[in-house]
Amino acid sequence: TVYADSVKGRFTITKDTAKNMVYLQLNSLKPEESG
C-alpha cells in the first residue's frame, strides 16, 4: 500500500477481493481534504 505523506497514519486502504470492493478509511479529516 502507498500513501501520500499528508495522510499517512490517518487514512487506510484495504480491499476485499471476494466482494470486488476497495475501501479507503479516512480519519481525522481536515477541511482542506474536502472535495
PDB file of all heavy atoms in Angstrom:
ATOM      1  N   THR A   1       0.851  -1.187   0.000  1.00  0.00           N
ATOM      2  CA  THR A   1       0.000   0.000   0.000  1.00  0.00           C
ATOM      3  C   THR A   1       0.884   1.232   0.000  1.00  0.00           C
ATOM      4  O   THR A   1       1.993   1.224   0.547  1.00  0.00           O
ATOM      5  CB  THR A   1      -0.930   0.033   1.220  1.00  0.00           C
ATOM      6  OG1 THR A   1      -0.143  -0.067   2.423  1.00  0.00           O
ATOM      7  CG2 THR A   1      -1.932  -1.111   1.187  1.00  0.00           C
ATOM      8  N   VAL A   2       0.388   2.264  -0.620  1.00  0.00           N
ATOM      9  CA  VAL A   2       1.120   3.520  -0.759  1.00  0.00           C
ATOM     10  C   VAL A   2       0.210   4.651  -0.287  1.00  0.00           C
ATOM     11  O   VAL A   2      -0.993   4.637  -0.578  1.00  0.00           O
ATOM     12  CB  VAL A   2       1.527   3.757  -2.227  1.00  0.00           C
ATOM     13  CG1 VAL A   2       2.274   5.064  -2.363  1.00  0.00           C
ATOM     14  CG2 VAL A   2       2.376   2.602  -2.739  1.00  0.00           C
ATOM     15  N   TYR A   3       0.803   5.607   0.410  1.00  0.00           N
ATOM     16  CA  TYR A   3       0.032   6.751   0.896  1.00  0.00           C
ATOM     17  C   TYR A   3       0.774   8.049   0.623  1.00  0.00           C
ATOM     18  O   TYR A   3       1.997   8.103   0.704  1.00  0.00           O
ATOM     19  CB  TYR A   3      -0.205   6.644   2.405  1.00  0.00           C
ATOM     20  CG  TYR A   3      -1.040   5.464   2.810  1.00  0.00           C
ATOM     21  CD1 TYR A   3      -0.434   4.278   3.225  1.00  0.00           C
ATOM     22  CD2 TYR A   3      -2.426   5.520   2.774  1.00  0.00           C
ATOM     23  CE1 TYR A   3      -1.197   3.170   3.595  1.00  0.00           C
ATOM     24  CE2 TYR A   3      -3.203   4.427   3.144  1.00  0.00           C
ATOM     25  CZ  TYR A   3      -2.573   3.254   3.542  1.00  0.00           C
ATOM     26  OH  TYR A   3      -3.332   2.167   3.905  1.00  0.00           O
ATOM     27  N   ALA A   4       0.000   9.074   0.344  1.00  0.00           N
ATOM     28  CA  ALA A   4       0.583  10.411   0.317  1.00  0.00           C
ATOM     29  C   ALA A   4       1.049  10.761   1.726  1.00  0.00           C
ATOM     30  O   ALA A   4       0.420  10.348   2.713  1.00  0.00           O
ATOM     31  CB  ALA A   4      -0.455  11.424  -0.156  1.00  0.00           C
ATOM     32  N   ASP A   5       2.117  11.516   1.811  1.00  0.00           N
ATOM     33  CA  ASP A   5       2.667  11.868   3.129  1.00  0.00           C
ATOM     34  C   ASP A   5       1.635  12.542   4.016  1.00  0.00           C
ATOM     35  O   ASP A   5       1.604  12.319   5.233  1.00  0.00           O
ATOM     36  CB  ASP A   5       3.870  12.793   2.956  1.00  0.00           C
ATOM     37  CG  ASP A   5       5.089  12.072   2.405  1.00  0.00           C
ATOM     38  OD1 ASP A   5       5.117  10.825   2.456  1.00  0.00           O
ATOM     39  OD2 ASP A   5       6.004  12.758   1.908  1.00  0.00           O
ATOM     40  N   SER A   6       0.786  13.339   3.414  1.00  0.00           N
ATOM     41  CA  SER A   6      -0.171  14.126   4.194  1.00  0.00           C
ATOM     42  C   SER A   6      -1.234  13.273   4.878  1.00  0.00           C
ATOM     43  O   SER A   6      -1.899  13.747   5.801  1.00  0.00           O
ATOM     44  CB  SER A   6      -0.848  15.163   3.303  1.00  0.00           C
ATOM     45  OG  SER A   6      -1.554  14.522   2.253  1.00  0.00           O
ATOM     46  N   VAL A   7      -1.412  12.033   4.440  1.00  0.00           N
ATOM     47  CA  VAL A   7      -2.488  11.202   5.004  1.00  0.00           C
ATOM     48  C   VAL A   7      -1.965   9.995   5.770  1.00  0.00           C
ATOM     49  O   VAL A   7      -2.755   9.238   6.350  1.00  0.00           O
ATOM     50  CB  VAL A   7      -3.468  10.720   3.913  1.00  0.00           C
ATOM     51  CG1 VAL A   7      -3.993  11.906   3.117  1.00  0.00           C
ATOM     52  CG2 VAL A   7      -2.836   9.676   2.999  1.00  0.00           C
ATOM     53  N   LYS A   8      -0.663   9.809   5.768  1.00  0.00           N
ATOM     54  CA  LYS A   8      -0.098   8.654   6.468  1.00  0.00           C
ATOM     55  C   LYS A   8      -0.494   8.674   7.942  1.00  0.00           C
ATOM     56  O   LYS A   8      -0.405   9.696   8.609  1.00  0.00           O
ATOM     57  CB  LYS A   8       1.426   8.659   6.336  1.00  0.00           C
ATOM     58  CG  LYS A   8       1.914   8.231   4.972  1.00  0.00           C
ATOM     59  CD  LYS A   8       3.429   8.271   4.894  1.00  0.00           C
ATOM     60  CE  LYS A   8       3.907   7.864   3.506  1.00  0.00           C
ATOM     61  NZ  LYS A   8       5.374   7.964   3.367  1.00  0.00           N
ATOM     62  N   GLY A   9      -0.932   7.538   8.404  1.00  0.00           N
ATOM     63  CA  GLY A   9      -1.358   7.416   9.791  1.00  0.00           C
ATOM     64  C   GLY A   9      -2.813   7.782  10.024  1.00  0.00           C
ATOM     65  O   GLY A   9      -3.353   7.530  11.106  1.00  0.00           O
ATOM     66  N   ARG A  10      -3.460   8.368   9.030  1.00  0.00           N
ATOM     67  CA  ARG A  10      -4.862   8.750   9.164  1.00  0.00           C
ATOM     68  C   ARG A  10      -5.775   8.010   8.191  1.00  0.00           C
ATOM     69  O   ARG A  10      -6.927   7.728   8.518  1.00  0.00           O
ATOM     70  CB  ARG A  10      -5.021  10.258   8.955  1.00  0.00           C
ATOM     71  CG  ARG A  10      -4.283  11.115   9.980  1.00  0.00           C
ATOM     72  CD  ARG A  10      -4.632  12.603   9.815  1.00  0.00           C
ATOM     73  NE  ARG A  10      -4.223  13.109   8.510  1.00  0.00           N
ATOM     74  CZ  ARG A  10      -5.067  13.586   7.599  1.00  0.00           C
ATOM     75  NH1 ARG A  10      -6.365  13.606   7.835  1.00  0.00           N
ATOM     76  NH2 ARG A  10      -4.614  14.048   6.453  1.00  0.00           N
ATOM     77  N   PHE A  11      -5.288   7.714   7.016  1.00  0.00           N
ATOM     78  CA  PHE A  11      -6.081   7.024   6.004  1.00  0.00           C
ATOM     79  C   PHE A  11      -5.561   5.595   5.856  1.00  0.00           C
ATOM     80  O   PHE A  11      -4.363   5.338   5.983  1.00  0.00           O
ATOM     81  CB  PHE A  11      -5.964   7.725   4.648  1.00  0.00           C
ATOM     82  CG  PHE A  11      -6.632   9.071   4.562  1.00  0.00           C
ATOM     83  CD1 PHE A  11      -7.108   9.737   5.681  1.00  0.00           C
ATOM     84  CD2 PHE A  11      -6.764   9.690   3.327  1.00  0.00           C
ATOM     85  CE1 PHE A  11      -7.706  10.973   5.588  1.00  0.00           C
ATOM     86  CE2 PHE A  11      -7.361  10.932   3.209  1.00  0.00           C
ATOM     87  CZ  PHE A  11      -7.835  11.572   4.351  1.00  0.00           C
ATOM     88  N   THR A  12      -6.492   4.694   5.564  1.00  0.00           N
ATOM     89  CA  THR A  12      -6.119   3.295   5.375  1.00  0.00           C
ATOM     90  C   THR A  12      -6.867   2.727   4.175  1.00  0.00           C
ATOM     91  O   THR A  12      -8.094   2.840   4.101  1.00  0.00           O
ATOM     92  CB  THR A  12      -6.453   2.447   6.610  1.00  0.00           C
ATOM     93  OG1 THR A  12      -5.820   3.013   7.767  1.00  0.00           O
ATOM     94  CG2 THR A  12      -5.967   1.017   6.429  1.00  0.00           C
ATOM     95  N   ILE A  13      -6.115   2.120   3.281  1.00  0.00           N
ATOM     96  CA  ILE A  13      -6.709   1.490   2.107  1.00  0.00           C
ATOM     97  C   ILE A  13      -6.709  -0.022   2.306  1.00  0.00           C
ATOM     98  O   ILE A  13      -5.730  -0.597   2.767  1.00  0.00           O
ATOM     99  CB  ILE A  13      -5.962   1.884   0.814  1.00  0.00           C
ATOM    100  CG1 ILE A  13      -6.709   1.404  -0.424  1.00  0.00           C
ATOM    101  CG2 ILE A  13      -4.519   1.386   0.831  1.00  0.00           C
ATOM    102  CD1 ILE A  13      -6.154   1.980  -1.737  1.00  0.00           C
ATOM    103  N   THR A  14      -7.847  -0.632   1.973  1.00  0.00           N
ATOM    104  CA  THR A  14      -7.964  -2.085   2.067  1.00  0.00           C
ATOM    105  C   THR A  14      -8.787  -2.579   0.887  1.00  0.00           C
ATOM    106  O   THR A  14      -9.428  -1.784   0.193  1.00  0.00           O
ATOM    107  CB  THR A  14      -8.665  -2.516   3.372  1.00  0.00           C
ATOM    108  OG1 THR A  14      -9.944  -1.873   3.451  1.00  0.00           O
ATOM    109  CG2 THR A  14      -7.842  -2.161   4.602  1.00  0.00           C
ATOM    110  N   LYS A  15      -8.780  -3.877   0.700  1.00  0.00           N
ATOM    111  CA  LYS A  15      -9.625  -4.416  -0.352  1.00  0.00           C
ATOM    112  C   LYS A  15     -10.187  -5.768   0.061  1.00  0.00           C
ATOM    113  O   LYS A  15      -9.620  -6.470   0.888  1.00  0.00           O
ATOM    114  CB  LYS A  15      -8.872  -4.513  -1.669  1.00  0.00           C
ATOM    115  CG  LYS A  15      -7.806  -5.586  -1.745  1.00  0.00           C
ATOM    116  CD  LYS A  15      -7.235  -5.607  -3.169  1.00  0.00           C
ATOM    117  CE  LYS A  15      -6.325  -6.792  -3.389  1.00  0.00           C
ATOM    118  NZ  LYS A  15      -5.867  -6.851  -4.807  1.00  0.00           N
ATOM    119  N   ASP A  16     -11.329  -6.082  -0.537  1.00  0.00           N
ATOM    120  CA  ASP A  16     -11.986  -7.368  -0.334  1.00  0.00           C
ATOM    121  C   ASP A  16     -12.208  -7.954  -1.722  1.00  0.00           C
ATOM    122  O   ASP A  16     -13.167  -7.574  -2.415  1.00  0.00           O
ATOM    123  CB  ASP A  16     -13.308  -7.176   0.412  1.00  0.00           C
ATOM    124  CG  ASP A  16     -13.980  -8.489   0.765  1.00  0.00           C
ATOM    125  OD1 ASP A  16     -13.765  -9.489   0.054  1.00  0.00           O
ATOM    126  OD2 ASP A  16     -14.744  -8.509   1.739  1.00  0.00           O
ATOM    127  N   THR A  17     -11.333  -8.838  -2.119  1.00  0.00           N
ATOM    128  CA  THR A  17     -11.397  -9.373  -3.479  1.00  0.00           C
ATOM    129  C   THR A  17     -12.672 -10.159  -3.721  1.00  0.00           C
ATOM    130  O   THR A  17     -13.252 -10.092  -4.804  1.00  0.00           O
ATOM    131  CB  THR A  17     -10.173 -10.254  -3.737  1.00  0.00           C
ATOM    132  OG1 THR A  17      -8.985  -9.469  -3.566  1.00  0.00           O
ATOM    133  CG2 THR A  17     -10.183 -10.805  -5.154  1.00  0.00           C
ATOM    134  N   ALA A  18     -13.138 -10.869  -2.722  1.00  0.00           N
ATOM    135  CA  ALA A  18     -14.347 -11.663  -2.885  1.00  0.00           C
ATOM    136  C   ALA A  18     -15.554 -10.791  -3.208  1.00  0.00           C
ATOM    137  O   ALA A  18     -16.479 -11.218  -3.908  1.00  0.00           O
ATOM    138  CB  ALA A  18     -14.610 -12.473  -1.627  1.00  0.00           C
ATOM    139  N   LYS A  19     -15.544  -9.576  -2.696  1.00  0.00           N
ATOM    140  CA  LYS A  19     -16.658  -8.644  -2.917  1.00  0.00           C
ATOM    141  C   LYS A  19     -16.369  -7.640  -4.026  1.00  0.00           C
ATOM    142  O   LYS A  19     -17.212  -6.785  -4.307  1.00  0.00           O
ATOM    143  CB  LYS A  19     -16.984  -7.897  -1.623  1.00  0.00           C
ATOM    144  CG  LYS A  19     -17.490  -8.787  -0.504  1.00  0.00           C
ATOM    145  CD  LYS A  19     -17.822  -7.964   0.723  1.00  0.00           C
ATOM    146  CE  LYS A  19     -18.362  -8.862   1.839  1.00  0.00           C
ATOM    147  NZ  LYS A  19     -18.685  -8.083   3.061  1.00  0.00           N
ATOM    148  N   ASN A  20     -15.180  -7.704  -4.602  1.00  0.00           N
ATOM    149  CA  ASN A  20     -14.776  -6.723  -5.622  1.00  0.00           C
ATOM    150  C   ASN A  20     -14.870  -5.295  -5.095  1.00  0.00           C
ATOM    151  O   ASN A  20     -15.338  -4.387  -5.790  1.00  0.00           O
ATOM    152  CB  ASN A  20     -15.630  -6.853  -6.882  1.00  0.00           C
ATOM    153  CG  ASN A  20     -15.183  -8.015  -7.739  1.00  0.00           C
ATOM    154  OD1 ASN A  20     -14.029  -8.433  -7.680  1.00  0.00           O
ATOM    155  ND2 ASN A  20     -16.087  -8.536  -8.530  1.00  0.00           N
ATOM    156  N   MET A  21     -14.410  -5.106  -3.884  1.00  0.00           N
ATOM    157  CA  MET A  21     -14.501  -3.808  -3.228  1.00  0.00           C
ATOM    158  C   MET A  21     -13.129  -3.351  -2.760  1.00  0.00           C
ATOM    159  O   MET A  21     -12.307  -4.146  -2.312  1.00  0.00           O
ATOM    160  CB  MET A  21     -15.424  -3.883  -2.010  1.00  0.00           C
ATOM    161  CG  MET A  21     -16.857  -4.243  -2.301  1.00  0.00           C
ATOM    162  SD  MET A  21     -17.760  -2.920  -3.130  1.00  0.00           S
ATOM    163  CE  MET A  21     -17.842  -1.700  -1.833  1.00  0.00           C
ATOM    164  N   VAL A  22     -12.934  -2.058  -2.858  1.00  0.00           N
ATOM    165  CA  VAL A  22     -11.764  -1.415  -2.268  1.00  0.00           C
ATOM    166  C   VAL A  22     -12.271  -0.288  -1.384  1.00  0.00           C
ATOM    167  O   VAL A  22     -13.210   0.435  -1.761  1.00  0.00           O
ATOM    168  CB  VAL A  22     -10.807  -0.873  -3.340  1.00  0.00           C
ATOM    169  CG1 VAL A  22      -9.624  -0.147  -2.690  1.00  0.00           C
ATOM    170  CG2 VAL A  22     -10.297  -2.001  -4.225  1.00  0.00           C
ATOM    171  N   TYR A  23     -11.667  -0.151  -0.225  1.00  0.00           N
ATOM    172  CA  TYR A  23     -12.123   0.831   0.753  1.00  0.00           C
ATOM    173  C   TYR A  23     -11.012   1.819   1.091  1.00  0.00           C
ATOM    174  O   TYR A  23      -9.827   1.483   1.038  1.00  0.00           O
ATOM    175  CB  TYR A  23     -12.561   0.132   2.038  1.00  0.00           C
ATOM    176  CG  TYR A  23     -13.584  -0.950   1.827  1.00  0.00           C
ATOM    177  CD1 TYR A  23     -13.204  -2.288   1.779  1.00  0.00           C
ATOM    178  CD2 TYR A  23     -14.935  -0.638   1.679  1.00  0.00           C
ATOM    179  CE1 TYR A  23     -14.135  -3.291   1.575  1.00  0.00           C
ATOM    180  CE2 TYR A  23     -15.876  -1.633   1.484  1.00  0.00           C
ATOM    181  CZ  TYR A  23     -15.469  -2.959   1.425  1.00  0.00           C
ATOM    182  OH  TYR A  23     -16.404  -3.952   1.232  1.00  0.00           O
ATOM    183  N   LEU A  24     -11.433   3.001   1.450  1.00  0.00           N
ATOM    184  CA  LEU A  24     -10.498   3.989   1.979  1.00  0.00           C
ATOM    185  C   LEU A  24     -11.092   4.555   3.257  1.00  0.00           C
ATOM    186  O   LEU A  24     -12.129   5.229   3.209  1.00  0.00           O
ATOM    187  CB  LEU A  24     -10.229   5.106   0.972  1.00  0.00           C
ATOM    188  CG  LEU A  24      -9.168   6.113   1.394  1.00  0.00           C
ATOM    189  CD1 LEU A  24      -7.784   5.437   1.424  1.00  0.00           C
ATOM    190  CD2 LEU A  24      -9.134   7.317   0.455  1.00  0.00           C
ATOM    191  N   GLN A  25     -10.474   4.238   4.362  1.00  0.00           N
ATOM    192  CA  GLN A  25     -10.896   4.772   5.650  1.00  0.00           C
ATOM    193  C   GLN A  25     -10.205   6.102   5.883  1.00  0.00           C
ATOM    194  O   GLN A  25      -8.972   6.182   5.842  1.00  0.00           O
ATOM    195  CB  GLN A  25     -10.534   3.796   6.781  1.00  0.00           C
ATOM    196  CG  GLN A  25     -10.886   4.273   8.167  1.00  0.00           C
ATOM    197  CD  GLN A  25     -12.389   4.331   8.407  1.00  0.00           C
ATOM    198  OE1 GLN A  25     -13.120   3.448   7.955  1.00  0.00           O
ATOM    199  NE2 GLN A  25     -12.837   5.363   9.110  1.00  0.00           N
ATOM    200  N   LEU A  26     -10.995   7.124   6.103  1.00  0.00           N
ATOM    201  CA  LEU A  26     -10.474   8.475   6.313  1.00  0.00           C
ATOM    202  C   LEU A  26     -10.743   8.878   7.761  1.00  0.00           C
ATOM    203  O   LEU A  26     -11.907   8.967   8.172  1.00  0.00           O
ATOM    204  CB  LEU A  26     -11.160   9.480   5.379  1.00  0.00           C
ATOM    205  CG  LEU A  26     -10.879   9.452   3.885  1.00  0.00           C
ATOM    206  CD1 LEU A  26     -11.421   8.195   3.236  1.00  0.00           C
ATOM    207  CD2 LEU A  26     -11.485  10.670   3.213  1.00  0.00           C
ATOM    208  N   ASN A  27      -9.694   9.115   8.503  1.00  0.00           N
ATOM    209  CA  ASN A  27      -9.822   9.545   9.895  1.00  0.00           C
ATOM    210  C   ASN A  27      -9.192  10.928  10.090  1.00  0.00           C
ATOM    211  O   ASN A  27      -8.336  11.344   9.302  1.00  0.00           O
ATOM    212  CB  ASN A  27      -9.143   8.543  10.831  1.00  0.00           C
ATOM    213  CG  ASN A  27      -9.806   7.177  10.817  1.00  0.00           C
ATOM    214  OD1 ASN A  27     -11.018   7.049  10.600  1.00  0.00           O
ATOM    215  ND2 ASN A  27      -9.012   6.147  11.058  1.00  0.00           N
ATOM    216  N   SER A  28      -9.616  11.586  11.135  1.00  0.00           N
ATOM    217  CA  SER A  28      -9.066  12.902  11.486  1.00  0.00           C
ATOM    218  C   SER A  28      -9.078  13.844  10.288  1.00  0.00           C
ATOM    219  O   SER A  28      -8.078  14.492   9.964  1.00  0.00           O
ATOM    220  CB  SER A  28      -7.635  12.754  12.025  1.00  0.00           C
ATOM    221  OG  SER A  28      -7.604  11.900  13.139  1.00  0.00           O
ATOM    222  N   LEU A  29     -10.205  13.935   9.662  1.00  0.00           N
ATOM    223  CA  LEU A  29     -10.319  14.719   8.431  1.00  0.00           C
ATOM    224  C   LEU A  29     -10.135  16.208   8.676  1.00  0.00           C
ATOM    225  O   LEU A  29     -10.531  16.749   9.727  1.00  0.00           O
ATOM    226  CB  LEU A  29     -11.664  14.453   7.759  1.00  0.00           C
ATOM    227  CG  LEU A  29     -11.718  13.142   6.962  1.00  0.00           C
ATOM    228  CD1 LEU A  29     -13.152  12.716   6.717  1.00  0.00           C
ATOM    229  CD2 LEU A  29     -10.968  13.304   5.657  1.00  0.00           C
ATOM    230  N   LYS A  30      -9.580  16.869   7.678  1.00  0.00           N
ATOM    231  CA  LYS A  30      -9.313  18.308   7.720  1.00  0.00           C
ATOM    232  C   LYS A  30     -10.140  19.003   6.645  1.00  0.00           C
ATOM    233  O   LYS A  30     -10.447  18.405   5.609  1.00  0.00           O
ATOM    234  CB  LYS A  30      -7.827  18.557   7.459  1.00  0.00           C
ATOM    235  CG  LYS A  30      -6.900  17.780   8.377  1.00  0.00           C
ATOM    236  CD  LYS A  30      -5.449  17.953   7.962  1.00  0.00           C
ATOM    237  CE  LYS A  30      -4.525  17.114   8.840  1.00  0.00           C
ATOM    238  NZ  LYS A  30      -3.105  17.250   8.428  1.00  0.00           N
ATOM    239  N   PRO A  31     -10.458  20.274   6.848  1.00  0.00           N
ATOM    240  CA  PRO A  31     -11.271  20.985   5.850  1.00  0.00           C
ATOM    241  C   PRO A  31     -10.647  20.993   4.450  1.00  0.00           C
ATOM    242  O   PRO A  31     -11.380  20.910   3.457  1.00  0.00           O
ATOM    243  CB  PRO A  31     -11.348  22.406   6.420  1.00  0.00           C
ATOM    244  CG  PRO A  31     -11.224  22.208   7.887  1.00  0.00           C
ATOM    245  CD  PRO A  31     -10.261  21.074   8.057  1.00  0.00           C
ATOM    246  N   GLU A  32      -9.316  21.053   4.377  1.00  0.00           N
ATOM    247  CA  GLU A  32      -8.661  21.086   3.065  1.00  0.00           C
ATOM    248  C   GLU A  32      -8.751  19.739   2.345  1.00  0.00           C
ATOM    249  O   GLU A  32      -8.367  19.630   1.178  1.00  0.00           O
ATOM    250  CB  GLU A  32      -7.192  21.509   3.205  1.00  0.00           C
ATOM    251  CG  GLU A  32      -6.367  20.643   4.144  1.00  0.00           C
ATOM    252  CD  GLU A  32      -6.312  21.191   5.564  1.00  0.00           C
ATOM    253  OE1 GLU A  32      -7.318  21.783   6.018  1.00  0.00           O
ATOM    254  OE2 GLU A  32      -5.247  21.024   6.200  1.00  0.00           O
ATOM    255  N   GLU A  33      -9.251  18.733   3.031  1.00  0.00           N
ATOM    256  CA  GLU A  33      -9.442  17.440   2.384  1.00  0.00           C
ATOM    257  C   GLU A  33     -10.844  17.277   1.805  1.00  0.00           C
ATOM    258  O   GLU A  33     -11.199  16.203   1.311  1.00  0.00           O
ATOM    259  CB  GLU A  33      -9.106  16.319   3.376  1.00  0.00           C
ATOM    260  CG  GLU A  33      -7.614  16.313   3.701  1.00  0.00           C
ATOM    261  CD  GLU A  33      -7.216  15.409   4.830  1.00  0.00           C
ATOM    262  OE1 GLU A  33      -8.035  15.137   5.738  1.00  0.00           O
ATOM    263  OE2 GLU A  33      -6.027  14.991   4.818  1.00  0.00           O
ATOM    264  N   SER A  34     -11.593  18.343   1.851  1.00  0.00           N
ATOM    265  CA  SER A  34     -12.880  18.359   1.159  1.00  0.00           C
ATOM    266  C   SER A  34     -12.650  18.280  -0.344  1.00  0.00           C
ATOM    267  O   SER A  34     -11.611  18.716  -0.858  1.00  0.00           O
ATOM    268  CB  SER A  34     -13.638  19.650   1.486  1.00  0.00           C
ATOM    269  OG  SER A  34     -13.972  19.710   2.847  1.00  0.00           O
ATOM    270  N   GLY A  35     -13.646  17.719  -1.028  1.00  0.00           N
ATOM    271  CA  GLY A  35     -13.548  17.603  -2.477  1.00  0.00           C
ATOM    272  C   GLY A  35     -14.139  16.293  -2.935  1.00  0.00           C
ATOM    273  O   GLY A  35     -14.844  15.618  -2.178  1.00  0.00           O
TER     274      GLY A  35
END
